Amino acid sequence: MSNNNKSEDQRDRLQLKDQKDHAGSNVNDSTNRAQSGMPDTRGMGLKEIGGVILLLVILVIAYGLYQMFFG
């Protein structure tokens, strides 16, 4: 096994340990992302991102119709 793999394994172990020890920081990060108003699309494929965009478009159209008839 090369030194490069050993250092990557060690870095991964330390990162996992840090995440377990500081679980509150993960909650804080997700809270900050949620407050930004933008959906978190990291790790999503094109279908999922398209679904989020389609949902946002439908909501905008529904709001416009609501304002037209009841506003």
PDB file of N, CA and C in Angstrom:
ATOM      1  N   MET A   1       0.849  -1.182   0.000  1.00  0.00           N
ATOM      2  CA  MET A   1       0.000   0.000   0.000  1.00  0.00           C
ATOM      3  C   MET A   1       0.894   1.244   0.000  1.00  0.00           C
ATOM      4  N   SER A   2       0.598   2.200  -0.843  1.00  0.00           N
ATOM      5  CA  SER A   2       1.457   3.377  -0.953  1.00  0.00           C
ATOM      6  C   SER A   2       1.169   4.372   0.167  1.00  0.00           C
ATOM      7  N   ASN A   3       2.079   5.307   0.358  1.00  0.00           N
ATOM      8  CA  ASN A   3       1.894   6.329   1.383  1.00  0.00           C
ATOM      9  C   ASN A   3       0.701   7.218   1.080  1.00  0.00           C
ATOM     10  N   ASN A   4       0.415   7.434  -0.200  1.00  0.00           N
ATOM     11  CA  ASN A   4      -0.710   8.281  -0.586  1.00  0.00           C
ATOM     12  C   ASN A   4      -2.026   7.698  -0.080  1.00  0.00           C
ATOM     13  N   ASN A   5      -2.215   6.393  -0.235  1.00  0.00           N
ATOM     14  CA  ASN A   5      -3.443   5.755   0.239  1.00  0.00           C
ATOM     15  C   ASN A   5      -3.536   5.808   1.757  1.00  0.00           C
ATOM     16  N   LYS A   6      -2.410   5.650   2.426  1.00  0.00           N
ATOM     17  CA  LYS A   6      -2.421   5.701   3.886  1.00  0.00           C
ATOM     18  C   LYS A   6      -2.817   7.089   4.370  1.00  0.00           C
ATOM     19  N   SER A   7      -2.295   8.118   3.734  1.00  0.00           N
ATOM     20  CA  SER A   7      -2.637   9.468   4.172  1.00  0.00           C
ATOM     21  C   SER A   7      -4.103   9.785   3.871  1.00  0.00           C
ATOM     22  N   GLU A   8      -4.622   9.275   2.740  1.00  0.00           N
ATOM     23  CA  GLU A   8      -6.042   9.489   2.434  1.00  0.00           C
ATOM     24  C   GLU A   8      -6.927   8.766   3.436  1.00  0.00           C
ATOM     25  N   ASP A   9      -6.553   7.537   3.799  1.00  0.00           N
ATOM     26  CA  ASP A   9      -7.323   6.787   4.784  1.00  0.00           C
ATOM     27  C   ASP A   9      -7.311   7.493   6.136  1.00  0.00           C
ATOM     28  N   GLN A  10      -6.145   7.994   6.508  1.00  0.00           N
ATOM     29  CA  GLN A  10      -6.036   8.695   7.780  1.00  0.00           C
ATOM     30  C   GLN A  10      -6.876   9.968   7.764  1.00  0.00           C
ATOM     31  N   ARG A  11      -6.841  10.691   6.651  1.00  0.00           N
ATOM     32  CA  ARG A  11      -7.642  11.909   6.539  1.00  0.00           C
ATOM     33  C   ARG A  11      -9.134  11.587   6.628  1.00  0.00           C
ATOM     34  N   ASP A  12      -9.551  10.505   5.969  1.00  0.00           N
ATOM     35  CA  ASP A  12     -10.954  10.102   6.026  1.00  0.00           C
ATOM     36  C   ASP A  12     -11.379   9.727   7.441  1.00  0.00           C
ATOM     37  N   ARG A  13     -10.517   8.975   8.132  1.00  0.00           N
ATOM     38  CA  ARG A  13     -10.833   8.597   9.521  1.00  0.00           C
ATOM     39  C   ARG A  13     -10.947   9.827  10.416  1.00  0.00           C
ATOM     40  N   LEU A  14     -10.016  10.765  10.256  1.00  0.00           N
ATOM     41  CA  LEU A  14     -10.069  11.976  11.070  1.00  0.00           C
ATOM     42  C   LEU A  14     -11.304  12.813  10.754  1.00  0.00           C
ATOM     43  N   GLN A  15     -11.687  12.859   9.485  1.00  0.00           N
ATOM     44  CA  GLN A  15     -12.870  13.622   9.099  1.00  0.00           C
ATOM     45  C   GLN A  15     -14.128  12.993   9.695  1.00  0.00           C
ATOM     46  N   LEU A  16     -14.243  11.667   9.647  1.00  0.00           N
ATOM     47  CA  LEU A  16     -15.398  10.997  10.238  1.00  0.00           C
ATOM     48  C   LEU A  16     -15.444  11.202  11.743  1.00  0.00           C
ATOM     49  N   LYS A  17     -14.280  11.130  12.394  1.00  0.00           N
ATOM     50  CA  LYS A  17     -14.223  11.351  13.839  1.00  0.00           C
ATOM     51  C   LYS A  17     -14.650  12.777  14.176  1.00  0.00           C
ATOM     52  N   ASP A  18     -14.195  13.734  13.389  1.00  0.00           N
ATOM     53  CA  ASP A  18     -14.552  15.121  13.617  1.00  0.00           C
ATOM     54  C   ASP A  18     -16.054  15.342  13.438  1.00  0.00           C
ATOM     55  N   GLN A  19     -16.649  14.692  12.431  1.00  0.00           N
ATOM     56  CA  GLN A  19     -18.082  14.832  12.215  1.00  0.00           C
ATOM     57  C   GLN A  19     -18.875  14.235  13.364  1.00  0.00           C
ATOM     58  N   LYS A  20     -18.403  13.114  13.913  1.00  0.00           N
ATOM     59  CA  LYS A  20     -19.093  12.498  15.041  1.00  0.00           C
ATOM     60  C   LYS A  20     -18.961  13.360  16.291  1.00  0.00           C
ATOM     61  N   ASP A  21     -17.773  13.932  16.499  1.00  0.00           N
ATOM     62  CA  ASP A  21     -17.530  14.735  17.690  1.00  0.00           C
ATOM     63  C   ASP A  21     -18.240  16.082  17.638  1.00  0.00           C
ATOM     64  N   HIS A  22     -18.462  16.624  16.451  1.00  0.00           N
ATOM     65  CA  HIS A  22     -19.062  17.946  16.304  1.00  0.00           C
ATOM     66  C   HIS A  22     -20.330  17.863  15.457  1.00  0.00           C
ATOM     67  N   ALA A  23     -21.267  17.064  15.909  1.00  0.00           N
ATOM     68  CA  ALA A  23     -22.501  16.867  15.141  1.00  0.00           C
ATOM     69  C   ALA A  23     -23.302  18.161  15.049  1.00  0.00           C
ATOM     70  N   GLY A  24     -23.181  19.044  16.029  1.00  0.00           N
ATOM     71  CA  GLY A  24     -23.908  20.303  16.003  1.00  0.00           C
ATOM     72  C   GLY A  24     -23.510  21.197  14.857  1.00  0.00           C
ATOM     73  N   SER A  25     -22.265  21.096  14.425  1.00  0.00           N
ATOM     74  CA  SER A  25     -21.831  21.932  13.314  1.00  0.00           C
ATOM     75  C   SER A  25     -22.535  21.511  12.027  1.00  0.00           C
ATOM     76  N   ASN A  26     -22.820  20.226  11.876  1.00  0.00           N
ATOM     77  CA  ASN A  26     -23.549  19.769  10.698  1.00  0.00           C
ATOM     78  C   ASN A  26     -24.962  20.322  10.693  1.00  0.00           C
ATOM     79  N   VAL A  27     -25.595  20.365  11.863  1.00  0.00           N
ATOM     80  CA  VAL A  27     -26.943  20.928  11.965  1.00  0.00           C
ATOM     81  C   VAL A  27     -26.898  22.418  11.663  1.00  0.00           C
ATOM     82  N   ASN A  28     -25.875  23.099  12.172  1.00  0.00           N
ATOM     83  CA  ASN A  28     -25.730  24.532  11.927  1.00  0.00           C
ATOM     84  C   ASN A  28     -25.526  24.808  10.452  1.00  0.00           C
ATOM     85  N   ASP A  29     -24.706  24.003   9.782  1.00  0.00           N
ATOM     86  CA  ASP A  29     -24.478  24.192   8.348  1.00  0.00           C
ATOM     87  C   ASP A  29     -25.760  24.006   7.564  1.00  0.00           C
ATOM     88  N   SER A  30     -26.531  22.973   7.893  1.00  0.00           N
ATOM     89  CA  SER A  30     -27.770  22.734   7.154  1.00  0.00           C
ATOM     90  C   SER A  30     -28.791  23.825   7.448  1.00  0.00           C
ATOM     91  N   THR A  31     -28.793  24.362   8.666  1.00  0.00           N
ATOM     92  CA  THR A  31     -29.704  25.460   8.997  1.00  0.00           C
ATOM     93  C   THR A  31     -29.348  26.698   8.203  1.00  0.00           C
ATOM     94  N   ASN A  32     -28.060  26.991   8.088  1.00  0.00           N
ATOM     95  CA  ASN A  32     -27.633  28.154   7.315  1.00  0.00           C
ATOM     96  C   ASN A  32     -27.990  27.999   5.846  1.00  0.00           C
ATOM     97  N   ARG A  33     -27.858  26.786   5.309  1.00  0.00           N
ATOM     98  CA  ARG A  33     -28.240  26.564   3.919  1.00  0.00           C
ATOM     99  C   ARG A  33     -29.741  26.716   3.743  1.00  0.00           C
ATOM    100  N   ALA A  34     -30.521  26.260   4.717  1.00  0.00           N
ATOM    101  CA  ALA A  34     -31.976  26.356   4.610  1.00  0.00           C
ATOM    102  C   ALA A  34     -32.424  27.810   4.687  1.00  0.00           C
ATOM    103  N   GLN A  35     -31.734  28.637   5.441  1.00  0.00           N
ATOM    104  CA  GLN A  35     -32.115  30.035   5.580  1.00  0.00           C
ATOM    105  C   GLN A  35     -31.752  30.850   4.345  1.00  0.00           C
ATOM    106  N   SER A  36     -30.916  30.314   3.489  1.00  0.00           N
ATOM    107  CA  SER A  36     -30.532  31.065   2.298  1.00  0.00           C
ATOM    108  C   SER A  36     -31.667  31.120   1.285  1.00  0.00           C
ATOM    109  N   GLY A  37     -32.646  30.225   1.389  1.00  0.00           N
ATOM    110  CA  GLY A  37     -33.783  30.233   0.488  1.00  0.00           C
ATOM    111  C   GLY A  37     -33.559  29.453  -0.784  1.00  0.00           C
ATOM    112  N   MET A  38     -32.369  28.949  -0.995  1.00  0.00           N
ATOM    113  CA  MET A  38     -32.074  28.165  -2.183  1.00  0.00           C
ATOM    114  C   MET A  38     -32.051  26.690  -1.809  1.00  0.00           C
ATOM    115  N   PRO A  39     -32.634  25.838  -2.637  1.00  0.00           N
ATOM    116  CA  PRO A  39     -32.582  24.409  -2.324  1.00  0.00           C
ATOM    117  C   PRO A  39     -31.166  23.877  -2.457  1.00  0.00           C
ATOM    118  N   ASP A  40     -30.849  22.906  -1.648  1.00  0.00           N
ATOM    119  CA  ASP A  40     -29.525  22.290  -1.688  1.00  0.00           C
ATOM    120  C   ASP A  40     -29.519  21.226  -2.774  1.00  0.00           C
ATOM    121  N   THR A  41     -28.850  21.507  -3.879  1.00  0.00           N
ATOM    122  CA  THR A  41     -28.875  20.599  -5.019  1.00  0.00           C
ATOM    123  C   THR A  41     -27.586  19.809  -5.164  1.00  0.00           C
ATOM    124  N   ARG A  42     -26.708  19.851  -4.176  1.00  0.00           N
ATOM    125  CA  ARG A  42     -25.483  19.065  -4.277  1.00  0.00           C
ATOM    126  C   ARG A  42     -25.826  17.584  -4.233  1.00  0.00           C
ATOM    127  N   GLY A  43     -25.253  16.832  -5.132  1.00  0.00           N
ATOM    128  CA  GLY A  43     -25.475  15.404  -5.158  1.00  0.00           C
ATOM    129  C   GLY A  43     -26.758  14.995  -5.853  1.00  0.00           C
ATOM    130  N   MET A  44     -27.463  15.936  -6.430  1.00  0.00           N
ATOM    131  CA  MET A  44     -28.702  15.610  -7.129  1.00  0.00           C
ATOM    132  C   MET A  44     -28.426  15.465  -8.618  1.00  0.00           C
ATOM    133  N   GLY A  45     -29.153  14.570  -9.251  1.00  0.00           N
ATOM    134  CA  GLY A  45     -29.027  14.383 -10.679  1.00  0.00           C
ATOM    135  C   GLY A  45     -29.873  15.398 -11.427  1.00  0.00           C
ATOM    136  N   LEU A  46     -29.827  15.315 -12.759  1.00  0.00           N
ATOM    137  CA  LEU A  46     -30.580  16.262 -13.574  1.00  0.00           C
ATOM    138  C   LEU A  46     -32.081  16.124 -13.376  1.00  0.00           C
ATOM    139  N   LYS A  47     -32.564  14.896 -13.173  1.00  0.00           N
ATOM    140  CA  LYS A  47     -34.001  14.699 -12.970  1.00  0.00           C
ATOM    141  C   LYS A  47     -34.470  15.371 -11.686  1.00  0.00           C
ATOM    142  N   GLU A  48     -33.707  15.233 -10.629  1.00  0.00           N
ATOM    143  CA  GLU A  48     -34.104  15.829  -9.356  1.00  0.00           C
ATOM    144  C   GLU A  48     -34.053  17.356  -9.419  1.00  0.00           C
ATOM    145  N   ILE A  49     -33.005  17.895 -10.045  1.00  0.00           N
ATOM    146  CA  ILE A  49     -32.901  19.349 -10.184  1.00  0.00           C
ATOM    147  C   ILE A  49     -34.038  19.870 -11.059  1.00  0.00           C
ATOM    148  N   GLY A  50     -34.354  19.146 -12.142  1.00  0.00           N
ATOM    149  CA  GLY A  50     -35.479  19.526 -12.991  1.00  0.00           C
ATOM    150  C   GLY A  50     -36.790  19.495 -12.231  1.00  0.00           C
ATOM    151  N   GLY A  51     -36.949  18.529 -11.341  1.00  0.00           N
ATOM    152  CA  GLY A  51     -38.150  18.445 -10.513  1.00  0.00           C
ATOM    153  C   GLY A  51     -38.283  19.631  -9.578  1.00  0.00           C
ATOM    154  N   VAL A  52     -37.167  20.043  -8.987  1.00  0.00           N
ATOM    155  CA  VAL A  52     -37.181  21.209  -8.092  1.00  0.00           C
ATOM    156  C   VAL A  52     -37.538  22.464  -8.881  1.00  0.00           C
ATOM    157  N   ILE A  53     -36.951  22.629 -10.053  1.00  0.00           N
ATOM    158  CA  ILE A  53     -37.243  23.799 -10.881  1.00  0.00           C
ATOM    159  C   ILE A  53     -38.703  23.789 -11.321  1.00  0.00           C
ATOM    160  N   LEU A  54     -39.205  22.621 -11.730  1.00  0.00           N
ATOM    161  CA  LEU A  54     -40.608  22.510 -12.137  1.00  0.00           C
ATOM    162  C   LEU A  54     -41.536  22.850 -10.978  1.00  0.00           C
ATOM    163  N   LEU A  55     -41.221  22.384  -9.793  1.00  0.00           N
ATOM    164  CA  LEU A  55     -42.025  22.704  -8.619  1.00  0.00           C
ATOM    165  C   LEU A  55     -42.047  24.209  -8.355  1.00  0.00           C
ATOM    166  N   LEU A  56     -40.888  24.854  -8.466  1.00  0.00           N
ATOM    167  CA  LEU A  56     -40.829  26.299  -8.252  1.00  0.00           C
ATOM    168  C   LEU A  56     -41.640  27.050  -9.303  1.00  0.00           C
ATOM    169  N   VAL A  57     -41.592  26.612 -10.548  1.00  0.00           N
ATOM    170  CA  VAL A  57     -42.368  27.258 -11.613  1.00  0.00           C
ATOM    171  C   VAL A  57     -43.861  27.089 -11.352  1.00  0.00           C
ATOM    172  N   ILE A  58     -44.277  25.893 -10.960  1.00  0.00           N
ATOM    173  CA  ILE A  58     -45.692  25.659 -10.657  1.00  0.00           C
ATOM    174  C   ILE A  58     -46.149  26.533  -9.506  1.00  0.00           C
ATOM    175  N   LEU A  59     -45.322  26.678  -8.491  1.00  0.00           N
ATOM    176  CA  LEU A  59     -45.686  27.530  -7.350  1.00  0.00           C
ATOM    177  C   LEU A  59     -45.825  28.990  -7.764  1.00  0.00           C
ATOM    178  N   VAL A  60     -44.936  29.472  -8.628  1.00  0.00           N
ATOM    179  CA  VAL A  60     -45.018  30.857  -9.097  1.00  0.00           C
ATOM    180  C   VAL A  60     -46.289  31.065  -9.909  1.00  0.00           C
ATOM    181  N   ILE A  61     -46.618  30.119 -10.781  1.00  0.00           N
ATOM    182  CA  ILE A  61     -47.842  30.232 -11.590  1.00  0.00           C
ATOM    183  C   ILE A  61     -49.073  30.185 -10.691  1.00  0.00           C
ATOM    184  N   ALA A  62     -49.090  29.284  -9.719  1.00  0.00           N
ATOM    185  CA  ALA A  62     -50.222  29.185  -8.803  1.00  0.00           C
ATOM    186  C   ALA A  62     -50.382  30.482  -8.007  1.00  0.00           C
ATOM    187  N   TYR A  63     -49.283  31.066  -7.569  1.00  0.00           N
ATOM    188  CA  TYR A  63     -49.360  32.333  -6.835  1.00  0.00           C
ATOM    189  C   TYR A  63     -49.900  33.439  -7.732  1.00  0.00           C
ATOM    190  N   GLY A  64     -49.461  33.474  -8.975  1.00  0.00           N
ATOM    191  CA  GLY A  64     -49.968  34.487  -9.917  1.00  0.00           C
ATOM    192  C   GLY A  64     -51.464  34.321 -10.157  1.00  0.00           C
ATOM    193  N   LEU A  65     -51.930  33.098 -10.331  1.00  0.00           N
ATOM    194  CA  LEU A  65     -53.376  32.863 -10.510  1.00  0.00           C
ATOM    195  C   LEU A  65     -54.152  33.254  -9.262  1.00  0.00           C
ATOM    196  N   TYR A  66     -53.603  32.938  -8.104  1.00  0.00           N
ATOM    197  CA  TYR A  66     -54.261  33.304  -6.834  1.00  0.00           C
ATOM    198  C   TYR A  66     -54.390  34.823  -6.725  1.00  0.00           C
ATOM    199  N   GLN A  67     -53.338  35.544  -7.059  1.00  0.00           N
ATOM    200  CA  GLN A  67     -53.385  36.997  -6.997  1.00  0.00           C
ATOM    201  C   GLN A  67     -54.353  37.580  -8.022  1.00  0.00           C
ATOM    202  N   MET A  68     -54.461  36.929  -9.188  1.00  0.00           N
ATOM    203  CA  MET A  68     -55.351  37.422 -10.234  1.00  0.00           C
ATOM    204  C   MET A  68     -56.825  37.275  -9.807  1.00  0.00           C
ATOM    205  N   PHE A  69     -57.180  36.157  -9.201  1.00  0.00           N
ATOM    206  CA  PHE A  69     -58.574  35.899  -8.852  1.00  0.00           C
ATOM    207  C   PHE A  69     -58.964  36.405  -7.473  1.00  0.00           C
ATOM    208  N   PHE A  70     -58.052  36.385  -6.509  1.00  0.00           N
ATOM    209  CA  PHE A  70     -58.409  36.732  -5.127  1.00  0.00           C
ATOM    210  C   PHE A  70     -57.669  37.955  -4.616  1.00  0.00           C
ATOM    211  N   GLY A  71     -56.784  38.518  -5.403  1.00  0.00           N
ATOM    212  CA  GLY A  71     -55.966  39.633  -4.927  1.00  0.00           C
ATOM    213  C   GLY A  71     -56.524  40.905  -5.340  1.00  0.00           C
TER     214      GLY A  71
END
